Protein backbone atom coordinates (compact mmCIF):
# COMPACT_ATOMS: atom_id res chain seq x y z
CA PHE A 1 -4.07 15.43 -50.79
CA ASP A 2 -1.49 12.93 -49.55
CA ASN A 3 -2.87 12.81 -46.00
CA LEU A 4 -3.89 9.18 -45.54
CA ASP A 5 -2.61 9.27 -41.97
CA LYS A 6 -5.51 11.62 -41.11
CA ALA A 7 -8.16 9.01 -42.03
CA ILE A 8 -6.90 5.93 -40.17
CA SER A 9 -10.11 5.76 -38.13
CA ILE A 10 -12.21 5.27 -41.29
CA GLY A 11 -9.75 3.59 -43.66
CA GLY A 12 -7.32 1.78 -41.43
CA GLN A 13 -3.56 1.96 -41.62
CA PRO A 14 -2.55 2.97 -45.17
CA THR A 15 -0.60 0.41 -47.16
CA ALA A 16 2.63 1.31 -48.93
CA ALA A 17 0.80 1.05 -52.27
CA ALA A 18 -1.97 3.41 -51.09
CA GLN A 19 0.62 5.91 -49.84
CA ALA A 20 2.52 5.75 -53.14
CA LEU A 21 -0.73 6.38 -55.02
CA ALA A 22 -1.65 9.32 -52.77
CA SER A 23 1.81 10.83 -53.21
CA GLN A 24 1.69 10.48 -57.01
CA MET A 25 -1.81 11.96 -57.25
CA SER A 26 -0.91 14.86 -54.98
CA ALA A 27 2.26 15.60 -56.97
CA SER A 28 0.28 15.59 -60.21
CA TRP A 29 -2.35 17.98 -58.84
CA ALA A 30 0.37 20.27 -57.45
CA ALA A 31 2.14 20.30 -60.83
CA PHE A 32 -1.15 21.24 -62.49
CA ALA A 33 -1.75 24.05 -59.98
CA ARG A 34 1.79 25.39 -60.53
CA THR A 35 2.07 25.07 -64.30
CA GLY A 36 -1.26 24.03 -65.81
CA ASP A 37 0.32 20.68 -66.75
CA PRO A 38 -0.37 17.66 -64.49
CA ASN A 39 2.36 15.49 -66.05
CA ILE A 40 5.04 14.36 -63.62
CA GLU A 41 7.88 11.87 -63.85
CA GLY A 42 6.65 8.30 -63.51
CA LEU A 43 3.08 9.08 -64.64
CA ALA A 44 1.72 8.09 -68.04
CA ASP A 45 1.26 11.03 -70.42
CA TRP A 46 -1.85 13.01 -69.59
CA PRO A 47 -2.83 14.95 -72.73
CA VAL A 48 -4.45 18.38 -72.65
CA TYR A 49 -8.23 18.16 -72.37
CA ASN A 50 -10.28 18.66 -75.51
CA ALA A 51 -13.99 18.14 -76.17
CA SER A 52 -13.53 15.68 -79.02
CA GLN A 53 -11.36 13.10 -77.21
CA LEU A 54 -12.13 13.80 -73.52
CA PRO A 55 -8.75 12.56 -72.23
CA SER A 56 -8.65 11.69 -68.54
CA MET A 57 -6.34 9.95 -66.07
CA LEU A 58 -7.31 7.02 -63.87
CA PHE A 59 -5.21 6.90 -60.70
CA ASP A 60 -5.16 3.40 -59.24
CA GLU A 61 -2.92 1.05 -57.31
CA PRO A 62 -1.26 -1.74 -59.24
CA ALA A 63 -2.96 -5.07 -58.66
CA SER A 64 -1.21 -7.25 -56.13
CA SER A 65 -1.64 -10.88 -55.26
């Protein structure tokens, strides 16, 4: 829920990428709670769930070197 600063003792200082991911995930969940649609700007299309295709979203940080 976009509160990485509360878990520094177990996860260390959050990276910028981890914070960006937490913010995006939180915004998507909030959009879903408000409207029933988790799609937000900057997120790949997340289709409505159905039993035949089982669409889901994988939230992850981009790989970095």
